Amino acid sequence: MAVPPDLLALDELLNELAKLYQFRSLDDRMYEALTVSQSYCLRILYFQGPRTMGELATELDVRLSTMTGIVDQLEARGLVERVDHPDDRRSLRVTLSTRGRTLYHGAHDAFLSHLAPLLDGRSAAARREILDFLGGAIRVIQGWRENPRKVSRHGTAHSARERVGRSRGKNHLRPVRLR
């Protein structure tokens, strides 16, 4: 079956968008050459407020040891601070420093200024349609990450054929039914 050209174009555009947003050089001027993980950490703290290391690690889907490294780097640059947790003396929370808040605010404000023309001059219904489409694209990609098998147009598995899967034991193969 031939793949519709519009579907291939959508695939290409979404991949380009992901590359632009995810794979940037540390030489880029935005966010003072922060890594993507560091930028996401600042974003979480900016919009959600102070978080524990565990909460940040969960939100970024990284190991706690990785999160510790990210926060160490941000703290060394004066962008975040570790502060005592108000409800648990054994725990610390990570918060934006004044410098980190200023940096993130400026970078985010600049990004929004580049996004604004995409919505300017469009009706409320047209803006809603764009946002609904992007929300749908996010849900589809999340579904694909959870179940990377091919699905029918209605979101169900394409067939019930068997494939080889791994059991709980090492190197023991067993058949698995696709749903």
Protein backbone atom coordinates (compact mmCIF):
# COMPACT_ATOMS: atom_id res chain seq x y z
CA MET A 1 0.00 0.00 0.00
CA ALA A 2 1.38 3.41 -0.96
CA VAL A 3 1.89 5.91 1.82
CA PRO A 4 -0.03 9.16 1.19
CA PRO A 5 2.34 12.09 0.42
CA ASP A 6 0.72 14.25 3.11
CA LEU A 7 1.50 11.60 5.72
CA LEU A 8 5.14 11.51 4.64
CA ALA A 9 5.25 15.34 4.72
CA LEU A 10 3.80 15.35 8.26
CA ASP A 11 6.40 12.78 9.34
CA GLU A 12 9.21 14.90 7.88
CA LEU A 13 7.95 18.13 9.48
CA LEU A 14 7.53 16.55 12.92
CA ASN A 15 11.04 15.09 12.69
CA GLU A 16 12.48 18.47 11.70
CA LEU A 17 10.64 20.11 14.59
CA ALA A 18 12.01 17.55 17.04
CA LYS A 19 15.55 17.98 15.71
CA LEU A 20 15.38 21.75 15.99
CA TYR A 21 14.09 21.61 19.53
CA GLN A 22 16.13 18.68 20.85
CA PHE A 23 19.44 18.63 19.04
CA ARG A 24 21.10 21.96 19.42
CA SER A 25 24.76 22.76 19.68
CA LEU A 26 26.19 23.89 22.98
CA ASP A 27 27.61 26.77 20.95
CA ASP A 28 24.10 28.12 20.33
CA ARG A 29 23.41 31.39 22.12
CA MET A 30 20.06 30.34 23.52
CA TYR A 31 19.95 29.57 27.24
CA GLU A 32 23.67 30.37 27.60
CA ALA A 33 24.76 27.05 26.05
CA LEU A 34 22.79 24.85 28.45
CA THR A 35 22.12 21.24 27.54
CA VAL A 36 18.57 20.22 26.67
CA SER A 37 18.22 18.44 30.04
CA GLN A 38 19.44 21.51 31.90
CA SER A 39 16.98 23.68 29.95
CA TYR A 40 14.10 21.33 30.77
CA CYS A 41 15.11 21.35 34.43
CA LEU A 42 15.00 25.17 34.48
CA ARG A 43 11.61 25.08 32.74
CA ILE A 44 10.14 22.75 35.35
CA LEU A 45 11.45 24.90 38.20
CA TYR A 46 10.27 28.10 36.48
CA PHE A 47 6.70 26.93 35.91
CA GLN A 48 6.19 24.47 38.77
CA GLY A 49 8.36 25.87 41.54
CA PRO A 50 10.84 24.09 43.81
CA ARG A 51 11.14 20.32 43.41
CA THR A 52 13.01 17.50 45.09
CA MET A 53 15.70 15.71 43.13
CA GLY A 54 13.41 12.67 42.86
CA GLU A 55 10.55 14.76 41.47
CA LEU A 56 12.85 16.34 38.88
CA ALA A 57 14.28 12.95 37.89
CA THR A 58 10.77 11.55 37.45
CA GLU A 59 9.63 14.55 35.43
CA LEU A 60 12.66 14.36 33.11
CA ASP A 61 12.55 10.55 33.00
CA VAL A 62 16.18 10.19 34.07
CA ARG A 63 17.93 8.34 36.87
CA LEU A 64 18.49 10.13 40.16
CA SER A 65 22.27 10.00 39.61
CA THR A 66 21.82 11.74 36.23
CA MET A 67 19.58 14.36 37.83
CA THR A 68 22.21 14.98 40.49
CA GLY A 69 24.76 15.70 37.76
CA ILE A 70 22.38 18.06 35.96
CA VAL A 71 21.63 19.99 39.15
CA ASP A 72 25.33 20.05 40.11
CA GLN A 73 26.13 21.71 36.77
CA LEU A 74 23.29 24.21 37.10
CA GLU A 75 24.28 25.01 40.68
CA ALA A 76 27.92 25.55 39.64
CA ARG A 77 26.67 28.15 37.13
CA GLY A 78 24.58 29.88 39.79
CA LEU A 79 21.25 29.04 38.11
CA VAL A 80 19.72 26.85 40.85
CA GLU A 81 20.10 26.40 44.58
CA ARG A 82 19.58 23.47 46.90
CA VAL A 83 17.46 24.53 49.88
CA ASP A 84 16.08 22.73 52.90
CA HIS A 85 12.71 21.08 52.36
CA PRO A 86 10.14 22.92 54.49
CA ASP A 87 8.34 19.71 55.54
CA ASP A 88 11.21 17.20 55.74
CA ARG A 89 14.50 18.10 57.43
CA ARG A 90 16.19 15.09 55.78
CA SER A 91 15.40 16.30 52.28
CA LEU A 92 16.45 19.13 49.99
CA ARG A 93 14.58 20.91 47.23
CA VAL A 94 15.98 22.51 44.12
CA THR A 95 14.87 26.05 43.33
CA LEU A 96 15.77 28.62 40.71
CA SER A 97 18.21 31.28 41.78
CA THR A 98 17.46 34.87 40.83
CA ARG A 99 19.96 34.50 37.99
CA GLY A 100 18.31 31.24 36.81
CA ARG A 101 14.84 32.80 36.89
CA THR A 102 16.05 35.84 34.93
CA LEU A 103 17.85 33.67 32.36
CA TYR A 104 14.89 31.35 31.82
CA HIS A 105 12.38 34.20 31.69
CA GLY A 106 14.41 36.02 29.03
CA ALA A 107 14.94 32.92 26.89
CA HIS A 108 11.29 31.86 27.17
CA ASP A 109 10.05 35.36 26.39
CA ALA A 110 12.27 35.45 23.28
CA PHE A 111 10.96 32.04 22.18
CA LEU A 112 7.36 33.17 22.62
CA SER A 113 8.07 36.26 20.51
CA HIS A 114 9.06 33.93 17.66
CA LEU A 115 5.96 31.76 18.13
CA ALA A 116 3.49 34.66 18.27
CA PRO A 117 3.39 35.30 14.48
CA LEU A 118 2.12 31.74 13.98
CA LEU A 119 -1.10 32.72 15.76
CA ASP A 120 -1.32 36.44 14.94
CA GLY A 121 -4.19 37.37 12.65
CA ARG A 122 -5.91 34.00 12.95
CA SER A 123 -9.40 33.59 14.29
CA ALA A 124 -9.93 31.99 17.69
CA ALA A 125 -11.27 28.88 15.92
CA ALA A 126 -8.18 28.65 13.69
CA ARG A 127 -5.86 29.04 16.71
CA ARG A 128 -7.83 26.35 18.55
CA GLU A 129 -7.54 24.04 15.52
CA ILE A 130 -3.74 24.48 15.46
CA LEU A 131 -3.47 23.80 19.19
CA ASP A 132 -5.82 20.80 18.98
CA PHE A 133 -3.77 19.37 16.09
CA LEU A 134 -0.51 19.74 18.02
CA GLY A 135 -2.13 18.21 21.12
CA GLY A 136 -3.29 15.30 18.96
CA ALA A 137 0.22 14.90 17.52
CA ILE A 138 1.63 14.73 21.06
CA ARG A 139 -0.92 12.06 22.06
CA VAL A 140 -0.15 10.01 18.94
CA ILE A 141 3.61 10.16 19.57
CA GLN A 142 3.10 9.23 23.23
CA GLY A 143 0.98 6.27 22.11
CA TRP A 144 3.65 5.23 19.62
CA ARG A 145 6.31 5.35 22.35
CA GLU A 146 4.14 3.16 24.59
CA ASN A 147 3.28 0.73 21.78
CA PRO A 148 5.62 1.01 18.77
CA ARG A 149 3.82 -1.70 16.78
CA LYS A 150 1.87 -0.77 13.71
CA VAL A 151 -1.78 0.11 14.44
CA SER A 152 -4.87 0.30 12.27
CA ARG A 153 -6.61 3.60 11.55
CA HIS A 154 -8.77 3.00 14.63
CA GLY A 155 -5.81 2.65 17.02
CA THR A 156 -5.87 -1.13 17.46
CA ALA A 157 -3.04 -3.54 16.69
CA HIS A 158 -2.84 -4.47 13.01
CA SER A 159 -2.99 -8.23 13.55
CA ALA A 160 -2.93 -10.90 16.21
CA ARG A 161 0.06 -12.75 14.79
CA GLU A 162 2.66 -13.99 17.20
CA ARG A 163 6.09 -12.51 17.63
CA VAL A 164 9.05 -13.57 19.68
CA GLY A 165 9.39 -11.81 23.01
CA ARG A 166 11.55 -12.09 26.10
CA SER A 167 10.35 -13.78 29.24
CA ARG A 168 11.45 -12.69 32.67
CA GLY A 169 14.47 -14.99 32.69
CA LYS A 170 17.62 -14.13 30.80
CA ASN A 171 17.67 -15.21 27.17
CA HIS A 172 14.50 -17.33 27.39
CA LEU A 173 12.29 -16.67 24.39
CA ARG A 174 8.55 -17.16 24.41
CA PRO A 175 5.77 -16.35 21.93
CA VAL A 176 3.75 -13.20 22.69
CA ARG A 177 0.32 -12.44 21.21
CA LEU A 178 -0.13 -8.98 19.78
CA ARG A 179 -3.40 -7.37 20.76
